[in-house]
C-alpha atoms as a PDB file:
ATOM      1  CA  MET A   1    -148.865-227.142 102.029  1.00  0.00           C
ATOM      2  CA  HIS A   2    -145.378-226.720 100.647  1.00  0.00           C
ATOM      3  CA  PRO A   3    -143.673-223.725 102.323  1.00  0.00           C
ATOM      4  CA  TYR A   4    -143.157-222.020  98.947  1.00  0.00           C
ATOM      5  CA  TYR A   5    -146.930-221.926  98.327  1.00  0.00           C
ATOM      6  CA  HIS A   6    -147.509-219.671 101.329  1.00  0.00           C
ATOM      7  CA  PRO A   7    -148.888-216.281 100.181  1.00  0.00           C
ATOM      8  CA  LEU A   8    -145.949-214.395 101.705  1.00  0.00           C
ATOM      9  CA  PHE A   9    -143.384-216.577  99.960  1.00  0.00           C
ATOM     10  CA  LEU A  10    -145.243-216.084  96.691  1.00  0.00           C
ATOM     11  CA  LYS A  11    -144.999-212.314  97.251  1.00  0.00           C
ATOM     12  CA  PHE A  12    -141.306-212.732  97.937  1.00  0.00           C
ATOM     13  CA  ILE A  13    -140.816-214.441  94.574  1.00  0.00           C
ATOM     14  CA  VAL A  14    -142.704-211.680  92.767  1.00  0.00           C
ATOM     15  CA  TYR A  15    -140.656-208.927  94.435  1.00  0.00           C
ATOM     16  CA  PHE A  16    -137.410-210.849  93.928  1.00  0.00           C
ATOM     17  CA  ASN A  17    -137.858-211.802  90.286  1.00  0.00           C
ATOM     18  CA  ARG A  18    -140.125-209.122  88.833  1.00  0.00           C
ATOM     19  CA  ASN A  19    -138.820-205.801  90.147  1.00  0.00           C
ATOM     20  CA  GLN A  20    -135.869-206.705  92.392  1.00  0.00           C
ATOM     21  CA  ASP A  21    -137.431-204.969  95.374  1.00  0.00           C
ATOM     22  CA  TYR A  22    -135.059-206.643  97.806  1.00  0.00           C
ATOM     23  CA  PHE A  23    -136.135-204.526 100.745  1.00  0.00           C
ATOM     24  CA  GLU A  24    -139.724-205.713 100.310  1.00  0.00           C
ATOM     25  CA  CYS A  25    -138.431-209.277  99.906  1.00  0.00           C
ATOM     26  CA  HIS A  26    -136.853-209.003 103.335  1.00  0.00           C
ATOM     27  CA  GLU A  27    -140.019-207.564 104.865  1.00  0.00           C
ATOM     28  CA  VAL A  28    -142.457-210.197 103.577  1.00  0.00           C
ATOM     29  CA  LEU A  29    -140.151-213.108 104.348  1.00  0.00           C
ATOM     30  CA  GLU A  30    -139.460-211.876 107.845  1.00  0.00           C
ATOM     31  CA  ASP A  31    -143.226-211.770 108.433  1.00  0.00           C
ATOM     32  CA  TYR A  32    -143.520-215.320 107.087  1.00  0.00           C
ATOM     33  CA  TRP A  33    -140.535-216.562 109.097  1.00  0.00           C
ATOM     34  CA  LYS A  34    -142.081-215.253 112.301  1.00  0.00           C
ATOM     35  CA  THR A  35    -145.224-217.366 111.747  1.00  0.00           C
ATOM     36  CA  PHE A  36    -143.235-220.528 112.495  1.00  0.00           C
ATOM     37  CA  ASP A  37    -143.207-221.859 116.030  1.00  0.00           C
ATOM     38  CA  HIS A  38    -139.744-221.513 117.513  1.00  0.00           C
ATOM     39  CA  PHE A  39    -138.392-219.582 114.522  1.00  0.00           C
ATOM     40  CA  ASN A  40    -134.658-219.077 114.736  1.00  0.00           C
ATOM     41  CA  LYS A  41    -131.764-217.845 112.625  1.00  0.00           C
ATOM     42  CA  ASN A  42    -131.079-221.299 111.214  1.00  0.00           C
ATOM     43  CA  HIS A  43    -134.525-221.605 109.641  1.00  0.00           C
ATOM     44  CA  PRO A  44    -134.245-222.058 105.863  1.00  0.00           C
ATOM     45  CA  LEU A  45    -136.205-218.879 105.161  1.00  0.00           C
ATOM     46  CA  THR A  46    -133.388-216.841 106.686  1.00  0.00           C
ATOM     47  CA  ALA A  47    -131.184-217.815 103.732  1.00  0.00           C
ATOM     48  CA  PHE A  48    -133.595-215.993 101.409  1.00  0.00           C
ATOM     49  CA  ILE A  49    -133.880-213.045 103.814  1.00  0.00           C
ATOM     50  CA  LEU A  50    -130.086-212.730 103.924  1.00  0.00           C
ATOM     51  CA  LEU A  51    -129.773-213.109 100.154  1.00  0.00           C
ATOM     52  CA  SER A  52    -132.253-210.286  99.626  1.00  0.00           C
ATOM     53  CA  THR A  53    -130.513-208.095 102.171  1.00  0.00           C
ATOM     54  CA  GLY A  54    -127.107-208.779 100.636  1.00  0.00           C
ATOM     55  CA  LEU A  55    -128.346-207.890  97.155  1.00  0.00           C
ATOM     56  CA  TYR A  56    -129.930-204.721  98.538  1.00  0.00           C
ATOM     57  CA  HIS A  57    -126.610-203.683 100.093  1.00  0.00           C
ATOM     58  CA  TRP A  58    -124.641-204.541  96.962  1.00  0.00           C
ATOM     59  CA  ARG A  59    -126.864-202.543  94.650  1.00  0.00           C
ATOM     60  CA  ARG A  60    -126.522-199.553  96.996  1.00  0.00           C
ATOM     61  CA  GLY A  61    -122.703-199.856  97.038  1.00  0.00           C
ATOM     62  CA  ASN A  62    -122.332-201.158 100.588  1.00  0.00           C
ATOM     63  CA  MET A  63    -119.781-203.812  99.664  1.00  0.00           C
ATOM     64  CA  ASN A  64    -118.831-204.742 103.243  1.00  0.00           C
ATOM     65  CA  GLY A  65    -122.456-205.247 104.255  1.00  0.00           C
ATOM     66  CA  ALA A  66    -123.144-207.125 101.022  1.00  0.00           C
ATOM     67  CA  THR A  67    -120.190-209.478 101.511  1.00  0.00           C
ATOM     68  CA  ARG A  68    -121.033-210.286 105.129  1.00  0.00           C
ATOM     69  CA  THR A  69    -124.706-210.860 104.386  1.00  0.00           C
ATOM     70  CA  LEU A  70    -124.269-212.872 101.197  1.00  0.00           C
ATOM     71  CA  VAL A  71    -121.701-215.146 102.871  1.00  0.00           C
ATOM     72  CA  LYS A  72    -124.223-215.783 105.665  1.00  0.00           C
ATOM     73  CA  ALA A  73    -126.906-216.529 103.064  1.00  0.00           C
ATOM     74  CA  GLN A  74    -124.599-219.018 101.368  1.00  0.00           C
ATOM     75  CA  SER A  75    -123.914-220.812 104.646  1.00  0.00           C
ATOM     76  CA  ARG A  76    -127.644-220.952 105.428  1.00  0.00           C
ATOM     77  CA  PHE A  77    -128.334-222.425 101.988  1.00  0.00           C
ATOM     78  CA  LEU A  78    -126.002-225.265 102.970  1.00  0.00           C
ATOM     79  CA  LEU A  79    -128.403-226.070 105.815  1.00  0.00           C
ATOM     80  CA  PHE A  80    -131.045-226.977 103.207  1.00  0.00           C
ATOM     81  CA  HIS A  81    -129.413-230.422 103.137  1.00  0.00           C
ATOM     82  CA  ASP A  82    -131.012-230.942 106.562  1.00  0.00           C
ATOM     83  CA  ASN A  83    -134.401-229.815 105.246  1.00  0.00           C
ATOM     84  CA  GLU A  84    -134.743-231.082 101.673  1.00  0.00           C
ATOM     85  CA  ILE A  85    -138.231-229.639 101.145  1.00  0.00           C
ATOM     86  CA  TYR A  86    -136.652-226.199 100.650  1.00  0.00           C
ATOM     87  CA  LYS A  87    -134.648-227.547  97.704  1.00  0.00           C
ATOM     88  CA  GLU A  88    -137.848-228.587  95.915  1.00  0.00           C
ATOM     89  CA  LYS A  89    -139.806-226.521  93.384  1.00  0.00           C
ATOM     90  CA  ILE A  90    -136.820-224.280  92.565  1.00  0.00           C
ATOM     91  CA  ASP A  91    -133.496-224.704  90.846  1.00  0.00           C
ATOM     92  CA  PHE A  92    -131.637-224.822  94.131  1.00  0.00           C
ATOM     93  CA  GLN A  93    -128.228-225.574  92.656  1.00  0.00           C
ATOM     94  CA  ARG A  94    -128.452-222.574  90.345  1.00  0.00           C
ATOM     95  CA  LEU A  95    -129.526-220.343  93.235  1.00  0.00           C
ATOM     96  CA  TYR A  96    -126.573-221.562  95.292  1.00  0.00           C
ATOM     97  CA  ASP A  97    -124.165-221.076  92.388  1.00  0.00           C
ATOM     98  CA  ASP A  98    -125.557-217.604  91.666  1.00  0.00           C
ATOM     99  CA  THR A  99    -125.117-216.680  95.323  1.00  0.00           C
ATOM    100  CA  LYS A 100    -121.468-217.798  95.119  1.00  0.00           C
ATOM    101  CA  ALA A 101    -121.029-215.745  91.938  1.00  0.00           C
ATOM    102  CA  ALA A 102    -122.536-212.697  93.632  1.00  0.00           C
ATOM    103  CA  ILE A 103    -120.136-213.049  96.568  1.00  0.00           C
ATOM    104  CA  LEU A 104    -117.175-213.224  94.209  1.00  0.00           C
ATOM    105  CA  ALA A 105    -118.433-210.208  92.250  1.00  0.00           C
ATOM    106  CA  VAL A 106    -118.875-208.155  95.420  1.00  0.00           C
ATOM    107  CA  LYS A 107    -115.408-209.099  96.640  1.00  0.00           C
ATOM    108  CA  ASN A 108    -114.035-208.013  93.237  1.00  0.00           C
ATOM    109  CA  ASN A 109    -115.943-204.741  93.559  1.00  0.00           C
ATOM    110  CA  ASP A 110    -117.882-205.571  90.375  1.00  0.00           C
ATOM    111  CA  SER A 111    -121.080-203.833  89.341  1.00  0.00           C
ATOM    112  CA  PHE A 112    -124.353-205.113  90.708  1.00  0.00           C
ATOM    113  CA  PHE A 113    -126.272-207.762  88.805  1.00  0.00           C
ATOM    114  CA  PRO A 114    -129.568-209.302  89.927  1.00  0.00           C
ATOM    115  CA  VAL A 115    -129.959-212.884  91.015  1.00  0.00           C
ATOM    116  CA  LYS A 116    -133.106-214.700  89.932  1.00  0.00           C
ATOM    117  CA  LEU A 117    -134.993-217.465  91.673  1.00  0.00           C
ATOM    118  CA  TYR A 118    -135.655-220.056  88.957  1.00  0.00           C
ATOM    119  CA  ILE A 119    -138.859-221.999  89.539  1.00  0.00           C
ATOM    120  CA  SER A 120    -138.959-225.645  88.478  1.00  0.00           C
ATOM    121  CA  SER A 121    -142.555-226.331  89.503  1.00  0.00           C
ATOM    122  CA  GLU A 122    -145.279-225.514  86.987  1.00  0.00           C
ATOM    123  CA  GLN A 123    -147.823-225.182  89.803  1.00  0.00           C
ATOM    124  CA  LEU A 124    -145.629-222.743  91.729  1.00  0.00           C
ATOM    125  CA  GLN A 125    -144.982-220.728  88.565  1.00  0.00           C
ATOM    126  CA  LYS A 126    -148.740-220.473  87.909  1.00  0.00           C
ATOM    127  CA  LEU A 127    -149.341-219.184  91.445  1.00  0.00           C
ATOM    128  CA  VAL A 128    -146.568-216.601  91.037  1.00  0.00           C
ATOM    129  CA  ASP A 129    -147.910-215.493  87.651  1.00  0.00           C
ATOM    130  CA  SER A 130    -151.420-215.160  89.039  1.00  0.00           C
ATOM    131  CA  LEU A 131    -150.218-213.069  91.976  1.00  0.00           C
ATOM    132  CA  THR A 132    -148.001-210.933  89.739  1.00  0.00           C
ATOM    133  CA  ALA A 133    -151.062-209.909  87.733  1.00  0.00           C
ATOM    134  CA  THR A 134    -152.693-208.481  90.881  1.00  0.00           C
ATOM    135  CA  MET A 135    -149.718-206.723  92.501  1.00  0.00           C
ATOM    136  CA  GLU A 136    -148.727-203.124  91.933  1.00  0.00           C
ATOM    137  CA  LEU A 137    -144.961-203.091  91.673  1.00  0.00           C
ATOM    138  CA  LEU A 138    -142.610-200.159  91.807  1.00  0.00           C
ATOM    139  CA  PRO A 139    -140.521-199.621  88.673  1.00  0.00           C
ATOM    140  CA  ILE A 140    -137.413-201.773  88.548  1.00  0.00           C
ATOM    141  CA  GLY A 141    -134.277-199.727  89.206  1.00  0.00           C
ATOM    142  CA  SER A 142    -136.207-196.762  90.602  1.00  0.00           C
ATOM    143  CA  ASP A 143    -135.028-194.827  93.658  1.00  0.00           C
ATOM    144  CA  ALA A 144    -138.177-196.030  95.397  1.00  0.00           C
ATOM    145  CA  VAL A 145    -136.867-199.610  95.065  1.00  0.00           C
ATOM    146  CA  ILE A 146    -133.128-199.037  95.414  1.00  0.00           C
ATOM    147  CA  HIS A 147    -133.247-196.672  98.401  1.00  0.00           C
ATOM    148  CA  LYS A 148    -136.503-197.857  99.982  1.00  0.00           C
ATOM    149  CA  HIS A 149    -135.268-197.919 103.573  1.00  0.00           C
ATOM    150  CA  MET A 150    -134.163-194.294 103.303  1.00  0.00           C
ATOM    151  CA  LEU A 151    -137.393-193.048 101.736  1.00  0.00           C
ATOM    152  CA  ARG A 152    -139.879-194.495 104.214  1.00  0.00           C
ATOM    153  CA  ASP A 153    -140.935-193.030 107.550  1.00  0.00           C
ATOM    154  CA  ARG A 154    -138.299-194.286 109.965  1.00  0.00           C
ATOM    155  CA  SER A 155    -139.349-192.352 113.062  1.00  0.00           C
ATOM    156  CA  ASP A 156    -140.450-195.516 114.895  1.00  0.00           C
ATOM    157  CA  ILE A 157    -137.115-197.222 114.170  1.00  0.00           C
ATOM    158  CA  LEU A 158    -135.087-194.195 115.224  1.00  0.00           C
ATOM    159  CA  GLN A 159    -137.141-193.851 118.415  1.00  0.00           C
ATOM    160  CA  LEU A 160    -136.573-197.517 119.263  1.00  0.00           C
ATOM    161  CA  ARG A 161    -132.813-197.152 118.691  1.00  0.00           C
ATOM    162  CA  GLU A 162    -132.715-194.112 120.951  1.00  0.00           C
ATOM    163  CA  GLU A 163    -134.611-195.977 123.675  1.00  0.00           C
ATOM    164  CA  LYS A 164    -132.185-198.895 123.424  1.00  0.00           C
ATOM    165  CA  LYS A 165    -129.216-196.522 123.698  1.00  0.00           C
ATOM    166  CA  ARG A 166    -130.660-194.924 126.810  1.00  0.00           C
ATOM    167  CA  GLY A 167    -131.312-198.371 128.279  1.00  0.00           C
ATOM    168  CA  ARG A 168    -127.713-199.433 127.725  1.00  0.00           C
ATOM    169  CA  SER A 169    -126.306-196.299 129.275  1.00  0.00           C
ATOM    170  CA  ASN A 170    -128.203-197.031 132.508  1.00  0.00           C
ATOM    171  CA  TYR A 171    -126.111-200.128 133.223  1.00  0.00           C
END
């Protein structure tokens, strides 16, 4: 199976293209990435994770975070030359060019604009369309999408951070 036909990647495409829920993009792709044996930060899926994260930061006005993350995404997209399968089924060149344009816009402190993942495979597009019809999506541009990480229950994350801090102070 082509990696883009995986159900979690299909969800990623829906979130990315249909309602720009970049936080959810990150979540579903991280789950997918972790299904690979010996997953690491150079895996091609991390380019999409970083792109989503960078767009999330940019839309929220975190220009430093957006720049750092989008530049990392761009460099990970360059690694696709070592794994050509990830350049299939999508307009990879346009995605790469749009990522470069986003980096430039962030550096110029320009207003946010979404990046789209253009699908070149009819079969992949049909799978995305079919899934889109079954998913409940939050309204595009809503606070629930734009500020998702701030609106969810973060007690487990905050507790883990506190435990890590205490662990570091013991050394």
